[in-house]
PDB file of N, CA and C in Angstrom:
ATOM      1  N   MET A   1     138.089  13.115 -83.884  1.00  0.00           N
ATOM      2  CA  MET A   1     136.754  12.618 -84.113  1.00  0.00           C
ATOM      3  C   MET A   1     136.806  11.525 -85.186  1.00  0.00           C
ATOM      4  N   THR A   2     136.092  10.433 -84.931  1.00  0.00           N
ATOM      5  CA  THR A   2     136.042   9.312 -85.864  1.00  0.00           C
ATOM      6  C   THR A   2     134.934   9.532 -86.883  1.00  0.00           C
ATOM      7  N   ARG A   3     135.283   9.357 -88.153  1.00  0.00           N
ATOM      8  CA  ARG A   3     134.294   9.458 -89.232  1.00  0.00           C
ATOM      9  C   ARG A   3     134.129   8.090 -89.871  1.00  0.00           C
ATOM     10  N   LEU A   4     132.874   7.655 -89.962  1.00  0.00           N
ATOM     11  CA  LEU A   4     132.578   6.349 -90.554  1.00  0.00           C
ATOM     12  C   LEU A   4     131.512   6.503 -91.630  1.00  0.00           C
ATOM     13  N   GLU A   5     131.849   6.051 -92.836  1.00  0.00           N
ATOM     14  CA  GLU A   5     130.883   6.005 -93.934  1.00  0.00           C
ATOM     15  C   GLU A   5     130.630   4.528 -94.218  1.00  0.00           C
ATOM     16  N   PRO A   6     129.417   4.035 -93.914  1.00  0.00           N
ATOM     17  CA  PRO A   6     129.144   2.602 -94.087  1.00  0.00           C
ATOM     18  C   PRO A   6     129.127   2.180 -95.554  1.00  0.00           C
ATOM     19  N   ALA A   7     129.368   0.905 -95.763  1.00  0.00           N
ATOM     20  CA  ALA A   7     129.306   0.337 -97.114  1.00  0.00           C
ATOM     21  C   ALA A   7     127.906   0.538 -97.684  1.00  0.00           C
ATOM     22  N   MET A   8     127.851   0.715 -99.008  1.00  0.00           N
ATOM     23  CA  MET A   8     126.559   0.869 -99.681  1.00  0.00           C
ATOM     24  C   MET A   8     126.555  -0.005-100.922  1.00  0.00           C
ATOM     25  N   LEU A   9     125.504  -0.808-101.058  1.00  0.00           N
ATOM     26  CA  LEU A   9     125.368  -1.668-102.229  1.00  0.00           C
ATOM     27  C   LEU A   9     125.154  -0.805-103.471  1.00  0.00           C
ATOM     28  N   ILE A  10     126.018  -0.981-104.470  1.00  0.00           N
ATOM     29  CA  ILE A  10     125.904  -0.181-105.695  1.00  0.00           C
ATOM     30  C   ILE A  10     125.603  -1.035-106.929  1.00  0.00           C
ATOM     31  N   HIS A  11     125.810  -2.353-106.824  1.00  0.00           N
ATOM     32  CA  HIS A  11     125.494  -3.255-107.942  1.00  0.00           C
ATOM     33  C   HIS A  11     124.968  -4.559-107.364  1.00  0.00           C
ATOM     34  N   ARG A  12     123.690  -4.837-107.626  1.00  0.00           N
ATOM     35  CA  ARG A  12     123.054  -6.040-107.097  1.00  0.00           C
ATOM     36  C   ARG A  12     122.641  -6.934-108.260  1.00  0.00           C
ATOM     37  N   VAL A  13     123.034  -8.185-108.198  1.00  0.00           N
ATOM     38  CA  VAL A  13     122.601  -9.189-109.163  1.00  0.00           C
ATOM     39  C   VAL A  13     121.525 -10.009-108.463  1.00  0.00           C
ATOM     40  N   GLU A  14     120.341 -10.053-109.063  1.00  0.00           N
ATOM     41  CA  GLU A  14     119.241 -10.813-108.474  1.00  0.00           C
ATOM     42  C   GLU A  14     119.525 -12.305-108.603  1.00  0.00           C
ATOM     43  N   PRO A  15     119.268 -13.059-107.543  1.00  0.00           N
ATOM     44  CA  PRO A  15     119.482 -14.510-107.633  1.00  0.00           C
ATOM     45  C   PRO A  15     118.448 -15.154-108.561  1.00  0.00           C
ATOM     46  N   ILE A  16     118.853 -16.224-109.200  1.00  0.00           N
ATOM     47  CA  ILE A  16     117.943 -16.989-110.054  1.00  0.00           C
ATOM     48  C   ILE A  16     117.195 -17.974-109.159  1.00  0.00           C
ATOM     49  N   TYR A  17     115.871 -17.954-109.269  1.00  0.00           N
ATOM     50  CA  TYR A  17     115.060 -18.877-108.463  1.00  0.00           C
ATOM     51  C   TYR A  17     115.348 -20.288-108.949  1.00  0.00           C
ATOM     52  N   PRO A  18     115.838 -21.170-108.090  1.00  0.00           N
ATOM     53  CA  PRO A  18     116.157 -22.531-108.536  1.00  0.00           C
ATOM     54  C   PRO A  18     114.931 -23.241-109.116  1.00  0.00           C
ATOM     55  N   THR A  19     115.129 -23.916-110.235  1.00  0.00           N
ATOM     56  CA  THR A  19     114.030 -24.560-110.955  1.00  0.00           C
ATOM     57  C   THR A  19     113.233 -25.513-110.078  1.00  0.00           C
ATOM     58  N   LEU A  20     113.906 -26.385-109.357  1.00  0.00           N
ATOM     59  CA  LEU A  20     113.199 -27.350-108.512  1.00  0.00           C
ATOM     60  C   LEU A  20     112.372 -26.636-107.450  1.00  0.00           C
ATOM     61  N   MET A  21     112.937 -25.617-106.837  1.00  0.00           N
ATOM     62  CA  MET A  21     112.219 -24.895-105.783  1.00  0.00           C
ATOM     63  C   MET A  21     110.995 -24.181-106.368  1.00  0.00           C
ATOM     64  N   LYS A  22     111.114 -23.714-107.594  1.00  0.00           N
ATOM     65  CA  LYS A  22     109.974 -23.079-108.264  1.00  0.00           C
ATOM     66  C   LYS A  22     108.902 -24.117-108.561  1.00  0.00           C
ATOM     67  N   GLN A  23     109.318 -25.282-109.044  1.00  0.00           N
ATOM     68  CA  GLN A  23     108.362 -26.330-109.391  1.00  0.00           C
ATOM     69  C   GLN A  23     107.577 -26.813-108.180  1.00  0.00           C
ATOM     70  N   ILE A  24     108.228 -26.882-107.034  1.00  0.00           N
ATOM     71  CA  ILE A  24     107.528 -27.344-105.830  1.00  0.00           C
ATOM     72  C   ILE A  24     106.961 -26.166-105.034  1.00  0.00           C
ATOM     73  N   ARG A  25     107.056 -24.974-105.634  1.00  0.00           N
ATOM     74  CA  ARG A  25     106.508 -23.744-105.062  1.00  0.00           C
ATOM     75  C   ARG A  25     107.036 -23.492-103.647  1.00  0.00           C
ATOM     76  N   ARG A  26     108.338 -23.686-103.482  1.00  0.00           N
ATOM     77  CA  ARG A  26     108.991 -23.525-102.179  1.00  0.00           C
ATOM     78  C   ARG A  26     109.548 -22.127-102.063  1.00  0.00           C
ATOM     79  N   GLU A  27     109.296 -21.493-100.946  1.00  0.00           N
ATOM     80  CA  GLU A  27     109.893 -20.209-100.619  1.00  0.00           C
ATOM     81  C   GLU A  27     110.931 -20.448 -99.538  1.00  0.00           C
ATOM     82  N   GLY A  28     111.871 -19.543 -99.395  1.00  0.00           N
ATOM     83  CA  GLY A  28     112.888 -19.738 -98.376  1.00  0.00           C
ATOM     84  C   GLY A  28     113.815 -18.551 -98.274  1.00  0.00           C
ATOM     85  N   ARG A  29     114.863 -18.747 -97.492  1.00  0.00           N
ATOM     86  CA  ARG A  29     115.851 -17.696 -97.300  1.00  0.00           C
ATOM     87  C   ARG A  29     117.211 -18.326 -97.049  1.00  0.00           C
ATOM     88  N   VAL A  30     118.240 -17.544 -97.317  1.00  0.00           N
ATOM     89  CA  VAL A  30     119.614 -17.979 -97.070  1.00  0.00           C
ATOM     90  C   VAL A  30     120.323 -16.854 -96.330  1.00  0.00           C
ATOM     91  N   GLU A  31     120.938 -17.203 -95.212  1.00  0.00           N
ATOM     92  CA  GLU A  31     121.720 -16.247 -94.431  1.00  0.00           C
ATOM     93  C   GLU A  31     123.189 -16.460 -94.797  1.00  0.00           C
ATOM     94  N   LEU A  32     123.847 -15.386 -95.201  1.00  0.00           N
ATOM     95  CA  LEU A  32     125.251 -15.456 -95.612  1.00  0.00           C
ATOM     96  C   LEU A  32     126.109 -14.546 -94.750  1.00  0.00           C
ATOM     97  N   ARG A  33     127.349 -14.949 -94.541  1.00  0.00           N
ATOM     98  CA  ARG A  33     128.339 -14.094 -93.897  1.00  0.00           C
ATOM     99  C   ARG A  33     129.329 -13.691 -94.973  1.00  0.00           C
ATOM    100  N   ALA A  34     129.557 -12.378 -95.087  1.00  0.00           N
ATOM    101  CA  ALA A  34     130.415 -11.869 -96.154  1.00  0.00           C
ATOM    102  C   ALA A  34     131.485 -10.942 -95.592  1.00  0.00           C
ATOM    103  N   ILE A  35     132.615 -10.938 -96.260  1.00  0.00           N
ATOM    104  CA  ILE A  35     133.638  -9.925 -96.007  1.00  0.00           C
ATOM    105  C   ILE A  35     133.677  -9.058 -97.250  1.00  0.00           C
ATOM    106  N   ILE A  36     133.414  -7.770 -97.038  1.00  0.00           N
ATOM    107  CA  ILE A  36     133.463  -6.804 -98.140  1.00  0.00           C
ATOM    108  C   ILE A  36     134.850  -6.179 -98.121  1.00  0.00           C
ATOM    109  N   ALA A  37     135.568  -6.336 -99.222  1.00  0.00           N
ATOM    110  CA  ALA A  37     136.950  -5.860 -99.331  1.00  0.00           C
ATOM    111  C   ALA A  37     137.007  -4.336 -99.448  1.00  0.00           C
ATOM    112  N   THR A  38     138.198  -3.806 -99.348  1.00  0.00           N
ATOM    113  CA  THR A  38     138.391  -2.357 -99.433  1.00  0.00           C
ATOM    114  C   THR A  38     138.046  -1.791-100.810  1.00  0.00           C
ATOM    115  N   ASP A  39     137.967  -2.664-101.829  1.00  0.00           N
ATOM    116  CA  ASP A  39     137.566  -2.189-103.162  1.00  0.00           C
ATOM    117  C   ASP A  39     136.065  -2.366-103.403  1.00  0.00           C
ATOM    118  N   GLY A  40     135.337  -2.886-102.396  1.00  0.00           N
ATOM    119  CA  GLY A  40     133.894  -3.055-102.510  1.00  0.00           C
ATOM    120  C   GLY A  40     133.439  -4.392-103.047  1.00  0.00           C
ATOM    121  N   SER A  41     134.386  -5.256-103.364  1.00  0.00           N
ATOM    122  CA  SER A  41     134.019  -6.592-103.855  1.00  0.00           C
ATOM    123  C   SER A  41     133.771  -7.525-102.668  1.00  0.00           C
ATOM    124  N   ILE A  42     133.118  -8.650-102.964  1.00  0.00           N
ATOM    125  CA  ILE A  42     132.900  -9.682-101.943  1.00  0.00           C
ATOM    126  C   ILE A  42     134.166 -10.530-101.895  1.00  0.00           C
ATOM    127  N   GLU A  43     134.889 -10.437-100.794  1.00  0.00           N
ATOM    128  CA  GLU A  43     136.157 -11.152-100.662  1.00  0.00           C
ATOM    129  C   GLU A  43     135.955 -12.580-100.166  1.00  0.00           C
ATOM    130  N   SER A  44     135.001 -12.758 -99.269  1.00  0.00           N
ATOM    131  CA  SER A  44     134.731 -14.068 -98.684  1.00  0.00           C
ATOM    132  C   SER A  44     133.229 -14.181 -98.480  1.00  0.00           C
ATOM    133  N   LEU A  45     132.694 -15.387 -98.708  1.00  0.00           N
ATOM    134  CA  LEU A  45     131.256 -15.578 -98.579  1.00  0.00           C
ATOM    135  C   LEU A  45     130.998 -17.003 -98.125  1.00  0.00           C
ATOM    136  N   GLN A  46     130.183 -17.142 -97.086  1.00  0.00           N
ATOM    137  CA  GLN A  46     129.834 -18.478 -96.609  1.00  0.00           C
ATOM    138  C   GLN A  46     128.391 -18.517 -96.134  1.00  0.00           C
ATOM    139  N   VAL A  47     127.773 -19.680 -96.277  1.00  0.00           N
ATOM    140  CA  VAL A  47     126.397 -19.878 -95.831  1.00  0.00           C
ATOM    141  C   VAL A  47     126.409 -20.067 -94.319  1.00  0.00           C
ATOM    142  N   VAL A  48     125.514 -19.353 -93.642  1.00  0.00           N
ATOM    143  CA  VAL A  48     125.357 -19.475 -92.195  1.00  0.00           C
ATOM    144  C   VAL A  48     124.140 -20.334 -91.882  1.00  0.00           C
ATOM    145  N   ALA A  49     123.044 -20.124 -92.628  1.00  0.00           N
ATOM    146  CA  ALA A  49     121.806 -20.863 -92.384  1.00  0.00           C
ATOM    147  C   ALA A  49     120.904 -20.718 -93.598  1.00  0.00           C
ATOM    148  N   GLY A  50     119.864 -21.544 -93.624  1.00  0.00           N
ATOM    149  CA  GLY A  50     118.870 -21.419 -94.681  1.00  0.00           C
ATOM    150  C   GLY A  50     118.494 -22.745 -95.285  1.00  0.00           C
ATOM    151  N   ASP A  51     117.743 -22.672 -96.358  1.00  0.00           N
ATOM    152  CA  ASP A  51     117.256 -23.832 -97.077  1.00  0.00           C
ATOM    153  C   ASP A  51     118.286 -24.228 -98.137  1.00  0.00           C
ATOM    154  N   ALA A  52     118.790 -25.442 -98.038  1.00  0.00           N
ATOM    155  CA  ALA A  52     119.867 -25.903 -98.927  1.00  0.00           C
ATOM    156  C   ALA A  52     119.521 -25.801-100.410  1.00  0.00           C
ATOM    157  N   GLY A  53     118.256 -25.877-100.762  1.00  0.00           N
ATOM    158  CA  GLY A  53     117.848 -25.772-102.161  1.00  0.00           C
ATOM    159  C   GLY A  53     118.124 -24.420-102.777  1.00  0.00           C
ATOM    160  N   PHE A  54     118.369 -23.417-101.926  1.00  0.00           N
ATOM    161  CA  PHE A  54     118.633 -22.062-102.404  1.00  0.00           C
ATOM    162  C   PHE A  54     120.100 -21.645-102.265  1.00  0.00           C
ATOM    163  N   TYR A  55     120.924 -22.446-101.614  1.00  0.00           N
ATOM    164  CA  TYR A  55     122.307 -22.054-101.312  1.00  0.00           C
ATOM    165  C   TYR A  55     123.079 -21.584-102.535  1.00  0.00           C
ATOM    166  N   GLN A  56     123.153 -22.426-103.565  1.00  0.00           N
ATOM    167  CA  GLN A  56     124.009 -22.111-104.710  1.00  0.00           C
ATOM    168  C   GLN A  56     123.548 -20.853-105.425  1.00  0.00           C
ATOM    169  N   SER A  57     122.255 -20.706-105.582  1.00  0.00           N
ATOM    170  CA  SER A  57     121.699 -19.522-106.239  1.00  0.00           C
ATOM    171  C   SER A  57     122.080 -18.257-105.479  1.00  0.00           C
ATOM    172  N   ALA A  58     121.944 -18.296-104.164  1.00  0.00           N
ATOM    173  CA  ALA A  58     122.286 -17.133-103.342  1.00  0.00           C
ATOM    174  C   ALA A  58     123.780 -16.818-103.436  1.00  0.00           C
ATOM    175  N   LEU A  59     124.610 -17.834-103.320  1.00  0.00           N
ATOM    176  CA  LEU A  59     126.061 -17.623-103.407  1.00  0.00           C
ATOM    177  C   LEU A  59     126.462 -17.055-104.770  1.00  0.00           C
ATOM    178  N   ASP A  60     125.908 -17.623-105.844  1.00  0.00           N
ATOM    179  CA  ASP A  60     126.246 -17.157-107.193  1.00  0.00           C
ATOM    180  C   ASP A  60     125.879 -15.693-107.395  1.00  0.00           C
ATOM    181  N   ALA A  61     124.730 -15.291-106.890  1.00  0.00           N
ATOM    182  CA  ALA A  61     124.295 -13.903-107.059  1.00  0.00           C
ATOM    183  C   ALA A  61     125.120 -12.946-106.209  1.00  0.00           C
ATOM    184  N   VAL A  62     125.238 -13.236-104.928  1.00  0.00           N
ATOM    185  CA  VAL A  62     125.897 -12.306-103.999  1.00  0.00           C
ATOM    186  C   VAL A  62     127.383 -12.153-104.323  1.00  0.00           C
ATOM    187  N   ARG A  63     128.012 -13.177-104.837  1.00  0.00           N
ATOM    188  CA  ARG A  63     129.434 -13.048-105.225  1.00  0.00           C
ATOM    189  C   ARG A  63     129.640 -11.942-106.262  1.00  0.00           C
ATOM    190  N   GLN A  64     128.592 -11.614-107.009  1.00  0.00           N
ATOM    191  CA  GLN A  64     128.684 -10.583-108.049  1.00  0.00           C
ATOM    192  C   GLN A  64     128.324  -9.187-107.541  1.00  0.00           C
ATOM    193  N   TRP A  65     127.837  -9.081-106.325  1.00  0.00           N
ATOM    194  CA  TRP A  65     127.467  -7.780-105.781  1.00  0.00           C
ATOM    195  C   TRP A  65     128.700  -6.911-105.592  1.00  0.00           C
ATOM    196  N   ARG A  66     128.507  -5.611-105.725  1.00  0.00           N
ATOM    197  CA  ARG A  66     129.580  -4.646-105.497  1.00  0.00           C
ATOM    198  C   ARG A  66     129.067  -3.538-104.580  1.00  0.00           C
ATOM    199  N   TYR A  67     129.954  -3.099-103.713  1.00  0.00           N
ATOM    200  CA  TYR A  67     129.632  -2.080-102.726  1.00  0.00           C
ATOM    201  C   TYR A  67     130.539  -0.871-102.875  1.00  0.00           C
ATOM    202  N   ARG A  68     130.029   0.269-102.445  1.00  0.00           N
ATOM    203  CA  ARG A  68     130.927   1.379-102.156  1.00  0.00           C
ATOM    204  C   ARG A  68     131.488   0.982-100.794  1.00  0.00           C
ATOM    205  N   PRO A  69     132.803   0.873-100.660  1.00  0.00           N
ATOM    206  CA  PRO A  69     133.356   0.318 -99.425  1.00  0.00           C
ATOM    207  C   PRO A  69     133.115   1.201 -98.200  1.00  0.00           C
ATOM    208  N   THR A  70     133.215   0.572 -97.056  1.00  0.00           N
ATOM    209  CA  THR A  70     133.170   1.305 -95.798  1.00  0.00           C
ATOM    210  C   THR A  70     134.428   2.154 -95.707  1.00  0.00           C
ATOM    211  N   VAL A  71     134.263   3.399 -95.282  1.00  0.00           N
ATOM    212  CA  VAL A  71     135.402   4.305 -95.141  1.00  0.00           C
ATOM    213  C   VAL A  71     135.465   4.764 -93.684  1.00  0.00           C
ATOM    214  N   LEU A  72     136.613   4.554 -93.076  1.00  0.00           N
ATOM    215  CA  LEU A  72     136.854   4.957 -91.694  1.00  0.00           C
ATOM    216  C   LEU A  72     137.971   5.988 -91.683  1.00  0.00           C
ATOM    217  N   ASN A  73     137.626   7.189 -91.233  1.00  0.00           N
ATOM    218  CA  ASN A  73     138.596   8.295 -91.183  1.00  0.00           C
ATOM    219  C   ASN A  73     139.303   8.503 -92.517  1.00  0.00           C
ATOM    220  N   GLY A  74     138.528   8.434 -93.591  1.00  0.00           N
ATOM    221  CA  GLY A  74     139.068   8.704 -94.925  1.00  0.00           C
ATOM    222  C   GLY A  74     139.732   7.527 -95.608  1.00  0.00           C
ATOM    223  N   GLN A  75     139.817   6.371 -94.934  1.00  0.00           N
ATOM    224  CA  GLN A  75     140.468   5.193 -95.515  1.00  0.00           C
ATOM    225  C   GLN A  75     139.465   4.056 -95.678  1.00  0.00           C
ATOM    226  N   PRO A  76     139.424   3.420 -96.864  1.00  0.00           N
ATOM    227  CA  PRO A  76     138.532   2.265 -97.013  1.00  0.00           C
ATOM    228  C   PRO A  76     139.001   1.124 -96.109  1.00  0.00           C
ATOM    229  N   VAL A  77     138.029   0.430 -95.504  1.00  0.00           N
ATOM    230  CA  VAL A  77     138.349  -0.692 -94.627  1.00  0.00           C
ATOM    231  C   VAL A  77     137.504  -1.902 -95.002  1.00  0.00           C
ATOM    232  N   GLU A  78     138.048  -3.068 -94.722  1.00  0.00           N
ATOM    233  CA  GLU A  78     137.351  -4.331 -94.929  1.00  0.00           C
ATOM    234  C   GLU A  78     136.329  -4.490 -93.800  1.00  0.00           C
ATOM    235  N   ILE A  79     135.146  -5.018 -94.128  1.00  0.00           N
ATOM    236  CA  ILE A  79     134.164  -5.264 -93.069  1.00  0.00           C
ATOM    237  C   ILE A  79     133.585  -6.665 -93.180  1.00  0.00           C
ATOM    238  N   ASP A  80     133.133  -7.162 -92.052  1.00  0.00           N
ATOM    239  CA  ASP A  80     132.474  -8.451 -91.925  1.00  0.00           C
ATOM    240  C   ASP A  80     130.995  -8.159 -91.706  1.00  0.00           C
ATOM    241  N   THR A  81     130.119  -8.749 -92.524  1.00  0.00           N
ATOM    242  CA  THR A  81     128.696  -8.451 -92.421  1.00  0.00           C
ATOM    243  C   THR A  81     127.863  -9.689 -92.731  1.00  0.00           C
ATOM    244  N   PHE A  82     126.576  -9.587 -92.462  1.00  0.00           N
ATOM    245  CA  PHE A  82     125.638 -10.665 -92.770  1.00  0.00           C
ATOM    246  C   PHE A  82     124.651 -10.181 -93.822  1.00  0.00           C
ATOM    247  N   ILE A  83     124.319 -11.063 -94.747  1.00  0.00           N
ATOM    248  CA  ILE A  83     123.397 -10.761 -95.842  1.00  0.00           C
ATOM    249  C   ILE A  83     122.318 -11.842 -95.840  1.00  0.00           C
ATOM    250  N   THR A  84     121.064 -11.426 -95.956  1.00  0.00           N
ATOM    251  CA  THR A  84     119.956 -12.372 -96.057  1.00  0.00           C
ATOM    252  C   THR A  84     119.350 -12.265 -97.452  1.00  0.00           C
ATOM    253  N   VAL A  85     119.283 -13.397 -98.142  1.00  0.00           N
ATOM    254  CA  VAL A  85     118.651 -13.455 -99.457  1.00  0.00           C
ATOM    255  C   VAL A  85     117.320 -14.177 -99.261  1.00  0.00           C
ATOM    256  N   ILE A  86     116.227 -13.511 -99.642  1.00  0.00           N
ATOM    257  CA  ILE A  86     114.885 -14.050 -99.440  1.00  0.00           C
ATOM    258  C   ILE A  86     114.284 -14.448-100.787  1.00  0.00           C
ATOM    259  N   TYR A  87     113.742 -15.642-100.831  1.00  0.00           N
ATOM    260  CA  TYR A  87     113.097 -16.163-102.040  1.00  0.00           C
ATOM    261  C   TYR A  87     111.599 -16.267-101.787  1.00  0.00           C
ATOM    262  N   THR A  88     110.822 -15.533-102.576  1.00  0.00           N
ATOM    263  CA  THR A  88     109.367 -15.620-102.490  1.00  0.00           C
ATOM    264  C   THR A  88     108.813 -15.796-103.889  1.00  0.00           C
ATOM    265  N   MET A  89     107.736 -16.544-103.970  1.00  0.00           N
ATOM    266  CA  MET A  89     107.073 -16.751-105.247  1.00  0.00           C
ATOM    267  C   MET A  89     106.272 -15.495-105.551  1.00  0.00           C
ATOM    268  N   GLN A  90     106.457 -14.955-106.732  1.00  0.00           N
ATOM    269  CA  GLN A  90     105.727 -13.758-107.135  1.00  0.00           C
ATOM    270  C   GLN A  90     104.465 -14.177-107.856  1.00  0.00           C
ATOM    271  N   HIS A  91     103.332 -13.636-107.421  1.00  0.00           N
ATOM    272  CA  HIS A  91     102.068 -13.915-108.096  1.00  0.00           C
ATOM    273  C   HIS A  91     101.941 -12.970-109.280  1.00  0.00           C
ATOM    274  N   ASP A  92     101.716 -13.525-110.441  1.00  0.00           N
ATOM    275  CA  ASP A  92     101.536 -12.733-111.655  1.00  0.00           C
ATOM    276  C   ASP A  92     100.153 -12.086-111.613  1.00  0.00           C
ATOM    277  N   PRO A  93     100.054 -10.745-111.596  1.00  0.00           N
ATOM    278  CA  PRO A  93      98.745 -10.101-111.528  1.00  0.00           C
ATOM    279  C   PRO A  93      97.840 -10.440-112.710  1.00  0.00           C
ATOM    280  N   GLY A  94      98.416 -10.921-113.809  1.00  0.00           N
ATOM    281  CA  GLY A  94      97.615 -11.283-114.964  1.00  0.00           C
ATOM    282  C   GLY A  94      97.085 -12.710-114.916  1.00  0.00           C
ATOM    283  N   CYS A  95      97.350 -13.402-113.817  1.00  0.00           N
ATOM    284  CA  CYS A  95      96.934 -14.803-113.699  1.00  0.00           C
ATOM    285  C   CYS A  95      95.418 -14.928-113.757  1.00  0.00           C
ATOM    286  N   ARG A  96      94.958 -15.916-114.530  1.00  0.00           N
ATOM    287  CA  ARG A  96      93.514 -16.157-114.661  1.00  0.00           C
ATOM    288  C   ARG A  96      93.046 -17.244-113.707  1.00  0.00           C
ATOM    289  N   ASN A  97      93.935 -17.785-112.902  1.00  0.00           N
ATOM    290  CA  ASN A  97      93.596 -18.915-112.043  1.00  0.00           C
ATOM    291  C   ASN A  97      93.915 -18.598-110.591  1.00  0.00           C
ATOM    292  N   VAL A  98      93.075 -17.797-109.978  1.00  0.00           N
ATOM    293  CA  VAL A  98      93.312 -17.406-108.596  1.00  0.00           C
ATOM    294  C   VAL A  98      92.223 -17.983-107.708  1.00  0.00           C
ATOM    295  N   ASP A  99      92.638 -18.473-106.573  1.00  0.00           N
ATOM    296  CA  ASP A  99      91.701 -18.939-105.562  1.00  0.00           C
ATOM    297  C   ASP A  99      91.080 -17.689-104.951  1.00  0.00           C
ATOM    298  N   GLY A 100      89.929 -17.289-105.470  1.00  0.00           N
ATOM    299  CA  GLY A 100      89.298 -16.035-105.092  1.00  0.00           C
ATOM    300  C   GLY A 100      89.020 -15.899-103.609  1.00  0.00           C
ATOM    301  N   ALA A 101      88.689 -16.993-102.946  1.00  0.00           N
ATOM    302  CA  ALA A 101      88.350 -16.912-101.527  1.00  0.00           C
ATOM    303  C   ALA A 101      89.550 -16.487-100.688  1.00  0.00           C
ATOM    304  N   ARG A 102      90.716 -16.940-101.067  1.00  0.00           N
ATOM    305  CA  ARG A 102      91.912 -16.615-100.285  1.00  0.00           C
ATOM    306  C   ARG A 102      92.863 -15.686-101.027  1.00  0.00           C
ATOM    307  N   GLY A 103      92.595 -15.429-102.305  1.00  0.00           N
ATOM    308  CA  GLY A 103      93.443 -14.534-103.077  1.00  0.00           C
ATOM    309  C   GLY A 103      94.824 -15.086-103.349  1.00  0.00           C
ATOM    310  N   ARG A 104      94.988 -16.408-103.304  1.00  0.00           N
ATOM    311  CA  ARG A 104      96.291 -17.031-103.538  1.00  0.00           C
ATOM    312  C   ARG A 104      96.341 -17.659-104.920  1.00  0.00           C
ATOM    313  N   PRO A 105      97.532 -17.748-105.491  1.00  0.00           N
ATOM    314  CA  PRO A 105      97.654 -18.421-106.784  1.00  0.00           C
ATOM    315  C   PRO A 105      97.293 -19.895-106.649  1.00  0.00           C
ATOM    316  N   CYS A 106      96.630 -20.430-107.645  1.00  0.00           N
ATOM    317  CA  CYS A 106      96.333 -21.859-107.650  1.00  0.00           C
ATOM    318  C   CYS A 106      97.520 -22.631-108.225  1.00  0.00           C
ATOM    319  N   ARG A 107      97.359 -23.925-108.381  1.00  0.00           N
ATOM    320  CA  ARG A 107      98.470 -24.746-108.870  1.00  0.00           C
ATOM    321  C   ARG A 107      98.814 -24.470-110.320  1.00  0.00           C
ATOM    322  N   TYR A 108      97.991 -23.717-111.031  1.00  0.00           N
ATOM    323  CA  TYR A 108      98.254 -23.396-112.422  1.00  0.00           C
ATOM    324  C   TYR A 108      98.998 -22.079-112.596  1.00  0.00           C
ATOM    325  N   CYS A 109      99.152 -21.347-111.537  1.00  0.00           N
ATOM    326  CA  CYS A 109      99.705 -20.001-111.661  1.00  0.00           C
ATOM    327  C   CYS A 109     101.194 -20.037-112.006  1.00  0.00           C
ATOM    328  N   CYS A 110     101.589 -19.140-112.852  1.00  0.00           N
ATOM    329  CA  CYS A 110     103.006 -18.993-113.186  1.00  0.00           C
ATOM    330  C   CYS A 110     103.714 -18.349-112.008  1.00  0.00           C
ATOM    331  N   ALA A 111     104.941 -18.725-111.757  1.00  0.00           N
ATOM    332  CA  ALA A 111     105.705 -18.146-110.657  1.00  0.00           C
ATOM    333  C   ALA A 111     106.211 -16.757-111.016  1.00  0.00           C
ATOM    334  N   ALA A 112     106.339 -16.488-112.270  1.00  0.00           N
ATOM    335  CA  ALA A 112     106.861 -15.186-112.708  1.00  0.00           C
ATOM    336  C   ALA A 112     106.363 -14.936-114.124  1.00  0.00           C
ATOM    337  N   PRO A 113     106.470 -13.675-114.602  1.00  0.00           N
ATOM    338  CA  PRO A 113     106.079 -13.406-115.986  1.00  0.00           C
ATOM    339  C   PRO A 113     106.827 -14.357-116.918  1.00  0.00           C
ATOM    340  N   PRO A 114     106.335 -14.678-118.066  1.00  0.00           N
ATOM    341  CA  PRO A 114     105.238 -14.037-118.770  1.00  0.00           C
ATOM    342  C   PRO A 114     103.892 -14.350-118.126  1.00  0.00           C
ATOM    343  N   ALA A 115     102.869 -13.641-118.581  1.00  0.00           N
ATOM    344  CA  ALA A 115     101.538 -13.777-118.004  1.00  0.00           C
ATOM    345  C   ALA A 115     101.090 -15.234-117.975  1.00  0.00           C
ATOM    346  N   CYS A 116     100.283 -15.536-116.984  1.00  0.00           N
ATOM    347  CA  CYS A 116      99.782 -16.895-116.798  1.00  0.00           C
ATOM    348  C   CYS A 116      99.071 -17.384-118.051  1.00  0.00           C
ATOM    349  N   THR A 117      99.363 -18.620-118.423  1.00  0.00           N
ATOM    350  CA  THR A 117      98.742 -19.214-119.600  1.00  0.00           C
ATOM    351  C   THR A 117      97.562 -20.100-119.221  1.00  0.00           C
ATOM    352  N   GLY A 118      97.385 -20.323-117.925  1.00  0.00           N
ATOM    353  CA  GLY A 118      96.336 -21.229-117.476  1.00  0.00           C
ATOM    354  C   GLY A 118      96.753 -22.677-117.564  1.00  0.00           C
ATOM    355  N   GLN A 119      98.009 -22.934-117.895  1.00  0.00           N
ATOM    356  CA  GLN A 119      98.515 -24.291-118.014  1.00  0.00           C
ATOM    357  C   GLN A 119      99.241 -24.683-116.735  1.00  0.00           C
ATOM    358  N   PRO A 120      99.214 -25.978-116.379  1.00  0.00           N
ATOM    359  CA  PRO A 120      99.933 -26.410-115.184  1.00  0.00           C
ATOM    360  C   PRO A 120     101.428 -26.124-115.285  1.00  0.00           C
ATOM    361  N   ILE A 121     102.047 -25.876-114.152  1.00  0.00           N
ATOM    362  CA  ILE A 121     103.502 -25.689-114.094  1.00  0.00           C
ATOM    363  C   ILE A 121     104.147 -27.033-114.340  1.00  0.00           C
ATOM    364  N   ALA A 122     105.172 -27.049-115.176  1.00  0.00           N
ATOM    365  CA  ALA A 122     105.860 -28.306-115.504  1.00  0.00           C
ATOM    366  C   ALA A 122     106.542 -28.884-114.299  1.00  0.00           C
TER     367      ALA A 122
END
């Protein structure tokens, strides 16, 4: 009988939202192909698709991820997998500048804490 224990993410480093993408309030995603080594590290990583403005941030973060490796019949094995990193602008609940009709942040809203100051984004 074959026993398979799939890889499990045990250490995740959050990607840094690229400054330019934050300034232009751009959301996006990056699709990556990764090889997870028998020790759980990322052995190989390449961009498959996505928004180029997010590529480096996604690669820098995912390279630091660590997994409990996949185990097949009691032996750790290398696996090939796909990872999607999604970038979304977080609305600060403390924002004082919300478009009430649609419930969306206005152009003054901070993309992330600290709380909104009511000042335009640089």
